[in-house]
């Protein structure tokens, strides 16, 4: 498998993480240890698990880490909805981020299916 930094899905999830950090920095200070921390943790989990999974020996391990990334994307999506509904973020920005989450989710799903189908040496 190619190095994780060469994967478009990793590149886009890394860029999304940077956007989440920028957005969440504007949340209220009293959310610093609540929603901000949870949202950032979910965001960081996506590219981190892609990177870690890429270094695993077997396809099942790699696929499991990709699935964890998919789950973290779903968590991030809900947390963005929550932040929007609490009035912490602009609805237009939130929609743009949710669209990117959907696209990354499709990319991750396709990569996971490809990994699951490959034959281990």
N, C-alpha and C. Protein backbone atom coordinates (compact mmCIF):
# COMPACT_ATOMS: atom_id res chain seq x y z
N UNK A 1 0.85 -1.20 0.00
CA UNK A 1 0.00 0.00 0.00
C UNK A 1 0.88 1.25 0.00
N UNK A 2 0.37 2.30 -0.59
CA UNK A 2 1.13 3.55 -0.67
C UNK A 2 1.21 4.22 0.70
N UNK A 3 2.21 5.08 0.90
CA UNK A 3 2.32 5.81 2.17
C UNK A 3 1.03 6.61 2.42
N UNK A 4 0.62 6.68 3.68
CA UNK A 4 -0.66 7.30 4.00
C UNK A 4 -0.76 8.74 3.53
N UNK A 5 0.36 9.49 3.52
CA UNK A 5 0.31 10.89 3.10
C UNK A 5 -0.01 11.04 1.61
N UNK A 6 0.14 9.97 0.85
CA UNK A 6 -0.18 9.99 -0.58
C UNK A 6 -1.66 9.74 -0.85
N UNK A 7 -2.36 9.26 0.15
CA UNK A 7 -3.78 8.95 -0.01
C UNK A 7 -4.62 10.23 -0.01
N UNK A 8 -5.44 10.42 -1.04
CA UNK A 8 -6.31 11.60 -1.12
C UNK A 8 -7.24 11.68 0.09
N UNK A 9 -7.72 10.54 0.55
CA UNK A 9 -8.64 10.54 1.69
C UNK A 9 -7.93 11.02 2.96
N UNK A 10 -6.66 10.68 3.11
CA UNK A 10 -5.91 11.20 4.27
C UNK A 10 -5.71 12.70 4.12
N UNK A 11 -5.32 13.15 2.93
CA UNK A 11 -5.08 14.57 2.69
C UNK A 11 -6.33 15.40 2.99
N UNK A 12 -7.48 14.92 2.53
CA UNK A 12 -8.72 15.66 2.76
C UNK A 12 -9.15 15.60 4.22
N UNK A 13 -8.93 14.48 4.87
CA UNK A 13 -9.32 14.39 6.29
C UNK A 13 -8.39 15.25 7.15
N UNK A 14 -7.13 15.36 6.76
CA UNK A 14 -6.20 16.25 7.47
C UNK A 14 -6.65 17.71 7.30
N UNK A 15 -6.99 18.09 6.07
CA UNK A 15 -7.46 19.46 5.82
C UNK A 15 -8.75 19.74 6.61
N UNK A 16 -9.64 18.76 6.67
CA UNK A 16 -10.87 18.91 7.45
C UNK A 16 -10.56 19.11 8.93
N UNK A 17 -9.60 18.38 9.44
CA UNK A 17 -9.20 18.54 10.84
C UNK A 17 -8.72 19.95 11.12
N UNK A 18 -7.94 20.50 10.21
CA UNK A 18 -7.48 21.88 10.38
C UNK A 18 -8.66 22.86 10.40
N UNK A 19 -9.65 22.61 9.55
CA UNK A 19 -10.85 23.46 9.53
C UNK A 19 -11.64 23.34 10.82
N UNK A 20 -11.72 22.13 11.36
CA UNK A 20 -12.44 21.91 12.62
C UNK A 20 -11.75 22.65 13.75
N UNK A 21 -10.43 22.63 13.78
CA UNK A 21 -9.70 23.37 14.82
C UNK A 21 -9.98 24.87 14.71
N UNK A 22 -9.98 25.38 13.48
CA UNK A 22 -10.25 26.80 13.27
C UNK A 22 -11.67 27.17 13.70
N UNK A 23 -12.64 26.36 13.31
CA UNK A 23 -14.03 26.62 13.67
C UNK A 23 -14.24 26.53 15.18
N UNK A 24 -13.74 25.47 15.79
CA UNK A 24 -13.99 25.25 17.22
C UNK A 24 -13.28 26.26 18.11
N UNK A 25 -12.26 26.92 17.59
CA UNK A 25 -11.58 27.97 18.36
C UNK A 25 -12.52 29.14 18.64
N UNK A 26 -13.59 29.26 17.83
CA UNK A 26 -14.55 30.34 17.99
C UNK A 26 -15.73 29.97 18.91
N UNK A 27 -15.77 28.73 19.37
CA UNK A 27 -16.84 28.31 20.27
C UNK A 27 -16.66 29.01 21.62
N UNK A 28 -17.71 29.07 22.41
CA UNK A 28 -17.60 29.73 23.73
C UNK A 28 -16.53 29.08 24.60
N UNK A 29 -15.89 29.89 25.42
CA UNK A 29 -14.81 29.41 26.30
C UNK A 29 -15.30 28.31 27.24
N UNK A 30 -16.55 28.36 27.67
CA UNK A 30 -17.03 27.34 28.60
C UNK A 30 -17.24 25.98 27.93
N UNK A 31 -17.09 25.92 26.60
CA UNK A 31 -17.16 24.64 25.88
C UNK A 31 -15.78 24.05 25.62
N UNK A 32 -14.74 24.71 26.11
CA UNK A 32 -13.36 24.28 25.85
C UNK A 32 -13.12 22.83 26.25
N UNK A 33 -13.68 22.42 27.39
CA UNK A 33 -13.46 21.04 27.86
C UNK A 33 -14.66 20.15 27.56
N UNK A 34 -15.61 20.66 26.81
CA UNK A 34 -16.79 19.90 26.44
C UNK A 34 -16.81 19.62 24.95
N UNK A 35 -17.66 20.35 24.27
CA UNK A 35 -17.87 20.13 22.85
C UNK A 35 -16.60 20.35 22.02
N UNK A 36 -15.81 21.34 22.36
CA UNK A 36 -14.58 21.61 21.59
C UNK A 36 -13.64 20.41 21.64
N UNK A 37 -13.41 19.91 22.84
CA UNK A 37 -12.51 18.77 22.99
C UNK A 37 -13.02 17.53 22.26
N UNK A 38 -14.30 17.27 22.39
CA UNK A 38 -14.87 16.07 21.76
C UNK A 38 -14.85 16.20 20.23
N UNK A 39 -15.17 17.38 19.72
CA UNK A 39 -15.16 17.60 18.28
C UNK A 39 -13.74 17.47 17.72
N UNK A 40 -12.79 18.06 18.39
CA UNK A 40 -11.40 17.97 17.94
C UNK A 40 -10.88 16.54 18.01
N UNK A 41 -11.23 15.84 19.07
CA UNK A 41 -10.77 14.45 19.20
C UNK A 41 -11.32 13.59 18.06
N UNK A 42 -12.60 13.77 17.73
CA UNK A 42 -13.19 13.02 16.62
C UNK A 42 -12.50 13.37 15.31
N UNK A 43 -12.23 14.66 15.10
CA UNK A 43 -11.57 15.10 13.86
C UNK A 43 -10.17 14.50 13.73
N UNK A 44 -9.40 14.56 14.79
CA UNK A 44 -8.03 14.04 14.77
C UNK A 44 -8.02 12.52 14.56
N UNK A 45 -9.04 11.85 15.04
CA UNK A 45 -9.12 10.40 14.93
C UNK A 45 -9.17 9.92 13.49
N UNK A 46 -9.75 10.70 12.61
CA UNK A 46 -9.92 10.26 11.22
C UNK A 46 -8.57 10.09 10.51
N UNK A 47 -7.76 11.14 10.35
CA UNK A 47 -6.48 10.92 9.66
C UNK A 47 -5.51 10.07 10.47
N UNK A 48 -5.62 10.11 11.78
CA UNK A 48 -4.73 9.31 12.62
C UNK A 48 -4.95 7.82 12.39
N UNK A 49 -6.21 7.40 12.33
CA UNK A 49 -6.50 5.98 12.12
C UNK A 49 -6.19 5.53 10.70
N UNK A 50 -6.32 6.44 9.73
CA UNK A 50 -5.90 6.10 8.37
C UNK A 50 -4.39 5.83 8.36
N UNK A 51 -3.64 6.72 9.01
CA UNK A 51 -2.18 6.57 9.06
C UNK A 51 -1.78 5.30 9.79
N UNK A 52 -2.37 5.07 10.94
CA UNK A 52 -2.00 3.88 11.71
C UNK A 52 -2.38 2.60 10.98
N UNK A 53 -3.57 2.58 10.41
CA UNK A 53 -4.01 1.40 9.68
C UNK A 53 -3.13 1.07 8.49
N UNK A 54 -2.63 2.10 7.82
CA UNK A 54 -1.79 1.89 6.64
C UNK A 54 -0.51 1.15 6.98
N UNK A 55 -0.09 1.18 8.22
CA UNK A 55 1.15 0.51 8.62
C UNK A 55 0.89 -0.89 9.20
N UNK A 56 -0.35 -1.31 9.24
CA UNK A 56 -0.67 -2.63 9.76
C UNK A 56 -0.35 -3.70 8.71
N UNK A 57 0.01 -4.88 9.19
CA UNK A 57 0.41 -5.95 8.30
C UNK A 57 -0.77 -6.57 7.54
N UNK A 58 -1.83 -6.93 8.25
CA UNK A 58 -2.93 -7.64 7.62
C UNK A 58 -4.05 -6.73 7.16
N UNK A 59 -4.79 -7.22 6.17
CA UNK A 59 -5.89 -6.41 5.63
C UNK A 59 -7.00 -6.21 6.65
N UNK A 60 -7.24 -7.19 7.53
CA UNK A 60 -8.30 -7.01 8.54
C UNK A 60 -7.98 -5.88 9.49
N UNK A 61 -6.72 -5.78 9.90
CA UNK A 61 -6.32 -4.68 10.79
C UNK A 61 -6.49 -3.33 10.10
N UNK A 62 -6.01 -3.24 8.87
CA UNK A 62 -6.12 -1.99 8.13
C UNK A 62 -7.59 -1.60 7.96
N UNK A 63 -8.42 -2.56 7.56
CA UNK A 63 -9.85 -2.29 7.37
C UNK A 63 -10.51 -1.85 8.68
N UNK A 64 -10.09 -2.44 9.79
CA UNK A 64 -10.66 -2.06 11.09
C UNK A 64 -10.33 -0.61 11.43
N UNK A 65 -9.11 -0.18 11.16
CA UNK A 65 -8.74 1.20 11.42
C UNK A 65 -9.48 2.17 10.49
N UNK A 66 -9.70 1.75 9.26
CA UNK A 66 -10.48 2.59 8.34
C UNK A 66 -11.92 2.71 8.83
N UNK A 67 -12.45 1.63 9.38
CA UNK A 67 -13.80 1.67 9.93
C UNK A 67 -13.89 2.58 11.15
N UNK A 68 -12.86 2.61 11.96
CA UNK A 68 -12.81 3.54 13.09
C UNK A 68 -12.84 4.97 12.57
N UNK A 69 -12.11 5.24 11.49
CA UNK A 69 -12.13 6.57 10.88
C UNK A 69 -13.55 6.92 10.42
N UNK A 70 -14.23 5.95 9.81
CA UNK A 70 -15.61 6.19 9.37
C UNK A 70 -16.51 6.54 10.55
N UNK A 71 -16.34 5.82 11.65
CA UNK A 71 -17.14 6.08 12.86
C UNK A 71 -16.84 7.46 13.42
N UNK A 72 -15.59 7.86 13.41
CA UNK A 72 -15.22 9.18 13.91
C UNK A 72 -15.82 10.29 13.04
N UNK A 73 -15.91 10.06 11.74
CA UNK A 73 -16.55 11.03 10.85
C UNK A 73 -18.02 11.20 11.21
N UNK A 74 -18.69 10.09 11.51
CA UNK A 74 -20.11 10.16 11.89
C UNK A 74 -20.26 10.95 13.19
N UNK A 75 -19.38 10.69 14.15
CA UNK A 75 -19.41 11.42 15.41
C UNK A 75 -19.19 12.91 15.16
N UNK A 76 -18.22 13.24 14.32
CA UNK A 76 -17.93 14.63 14.01
C UNK A 76 -19.14 15.30 13.38
N UNK A 77 -19.82 14.60 12.50
CA UNK A 77 -21.02 15.16 11.87
C UNK A 77 -22.07 15.54 12.89
N UNK A 78 -22.33 14.64 13.84
CA UNK A 78 -23.32 14.97 14.87
C UNK A 78 -22.87 16.16 15.71
N UNK A 79 -21.61 16.18 16.10
CA UNK A 79 -21.11 17.27 16.94
C UNK A 79 -21.18 18.61 16.22
N UNK A 80 -20.98 18.60 14.91
CA UNK A 80 -21.15 19.83 14.14
C UNK A 80 -22.61 20.28 14.13
N UNK A 81 -23.53 19.32 13.96
CA UNK A 81 -24.96 19.64 14.06
C UNK A 81 -25.28 20.27 15.41
N UNK A 82 -24.77 19.66 16.45
CA UNK A 82 -25.02 20.15 17.80
C UNK A 82 -24.49 21.57 17.97
N UNK A 83 -23.25 21.80 17.55
CA UNK A 83 -22.67 23.13 17.65
C UNK A 83 -23.48 24.16 16.88
N UNK A 84 -23.94 23.77 15.71
CA UNK A 84 -24.78 24.68 14.92
C UNK A 84 -26.09 24.98 15.64
N UNK A 85 -26.75 23.92 16.14
CA UNK A 85 -28.04 24.09 16.80
C UNK A 85 -27.93 24.86 18.11
N UNK A 86 -26.78 24.83 18.73
CA UNK A 86 -26.54 25.62 19.94
C UNK A 86 -26.13 27.06 19.62
N UNK A 87 -25.99 27.35 18.34
CA UNK A 87 -25.65 28.70 17.91
C UNK A 87 -24.17 29.03 17.95
N UNK A 88 -23.32 28.00 17.99
CA UNK A 88 -21.88 28.22 18.09
C UNK A 88 -21.22 28.40 16.73
N UNK A 89 -21.90 28.00 15.65
CA UNK A 89 -21.27 28.10 14.33
C UNK A 89 -22.30 28.54 13.29
N UNK A 90 -21.79 29.11 12.24
CA UNK A 90 -22.61 29.57 11.13
C UNK A 90 -23.19 28.37 10.39
N UNK A 91 -24.51 28.36 10.12
CA UNK A 91 -25.11 27.22 9.41
C UNK A 91 -24.48 26.95 8.05
N UNK A 92 -24.07 27.98 7.31
CA UNK A 92 -23.45 27.78 6.01
C UNK A 92 -22.11 27.07 6.10
N UNK A 93 -21.32 27.46 7.08
CA UNK A 93 -20.02 26.81 7.31
C UNK A 93 -20.24 25.36 7.73
N UNK A 94 -21.21 25.16 8.61
CA UNK A 94 -21.52 23.79 9.06
C UNK A 94 -21.93 22.91 7.89
N UNK A 95 -22.79 23.41 7.01
CA UNK A 95 -23.24 22.63 5.85
C UNK A 95 -22.07 22.28 4.94
N UNK A 96 -21.17 23.21 4.75
CA UNK A 96 -19.99 22.96 3.93
C UNK A 96 -19.13 21.85 4.53
N UNK A 97 -18.94 21.89 5.84
CA UNK A 97 -18.15 20.86 6.52
C UNK A 97 -18.86 19.50 6.47
N UNK A 98 -20.18 19.51 6.61
CA UNK A 98 -20.94 18.25 6.54
C UNK A 98 -20.87 17.64 5.15
N UNK A 99 -20.86 18.47 4.14
CA UNK A 99 -20.71 17.98 2.76
C UNK A 99 -19.34 17.32 2.59
N UNK A 100 -18.32 17.94 3.15
CA UNK A 100 -16.97 17.36 3.07
C UNK A 100 -16.91 16.04 3.85
N UNK A 101 -17.56 15.99 5.00
CA UNK A 101 -17.61 14.74 5.78
C UNK A 101 -18.26 13.64 4.95
N UNK A 102 -19.35 13.94 4.27
CA UNK A 102 -20.02 12.93 3.44
C UNK A 102 -19.10 12.41 2.35
N UNK A 103 -18.36 13.31 1.71
CA UNK A 103 -17.46 12.90 0.63
C UNK A 103 -16.30 12.05 1.18
N UNK A 104 -15.72 12.48 2.27
CA UNK A 104 -14.64 11.70 2.88
C UNK A 104 -15.15 10.34 3.32
N UNK A 105 -16.35 10.30 3.83
CA UNK A 105 -16.96 9.04 4.25
C UNK A 105 -17.08 8.07 3.07
N UNK A 106 -17.52 8.58 1.93
CA UNK A 106 -17.60 7.73 0.72
C UNK A 106 -16.22 7.23 0.31
N UNK A 107 -15.24 8.10 0.38
CA UNK A 107 -13.87 7.72 0.01
C UNK A 107 -13.33 6.65 0.96
N UNK A 108 -13.57 6.83 2.24
CA UNK A 108 -13.11 5.84 3.23
C UNK A 108 -13.79 4.50 3.03
N UNK A 109 -15.08 4.54 2.77
CA UNK A 109 -15.82 3.30 2.54
C UNK A 109 -15.24 2.54 1.34
N UNK A 110 -14.99 3.26 0.27
CA UNK A 110 -14.43 2.64 -0.93
C UNK A 110 -13.04 2.06 -0.66
N UNK A 111 -12.22 2.80 0.07
CA UNK A 111 -10.88 2.30 0.40
C UNK A 111 -10.98 1.06 1.29
N UNK A 112 -11.86 1.10 2.27
CA UNK A 112 -12.01 -0.07 3.17
C UNK A 112 -12.45 -1.30 2.38
N UNK A 113 -13.39 -1.14 1.46
CA UNK A 113 -13.84 -2.28 0.65
C UNK A 113 -12.70 -2.82 -0.21
N UNK A 114 -11.90 -1.91 -0.77
CA UNK A 114 -10.75 -2.33 -1.58
C UNK A 114 -9.74 -3.10 -0.74
N UNK A 115 -9.47 -2.61 0.46
CA UNK A 115 -8.52 -3.28 1.37
C UNK A 115 -9.05 -4.66 1.75
N UNK A 116 -10.33 -4.74 2.05
CA UNK A 116 -10.93 -6.03 2.45
C UNK A 116 -10.86 -7.07 1.34
N UNK A 117 -10.88 -6.62 0.11
CA UNK A 117 -10.89 -7.55 -1.04
C UNK A 117 -9.51 -7.97 -1.50
N UNK A 118 -8.48 -7.25 -1.08
CA UNK A 118 -7.14 -7.59 -1.56
C UNK A 118 -6.67 -8.88 -0.89
N UNK A 119 -5.73 -9.53 -1.55
CA UNK A 119 -5.18 -10.76 -1.00
C UNK A 119 -3.88 -10.44 -0.27
N UNK A 120 -3.76 -10.94 0.95
CA UNK A 120 -2.54 -10.76 1.72
C UNK A 120 -1.49 -11.72 1.21
N UNK A 121 -0.22 -11.28 1.17
CA UNK A 121 0.85 -12.16 0.68
C UNK A 121 1.08 -13.34 1.60
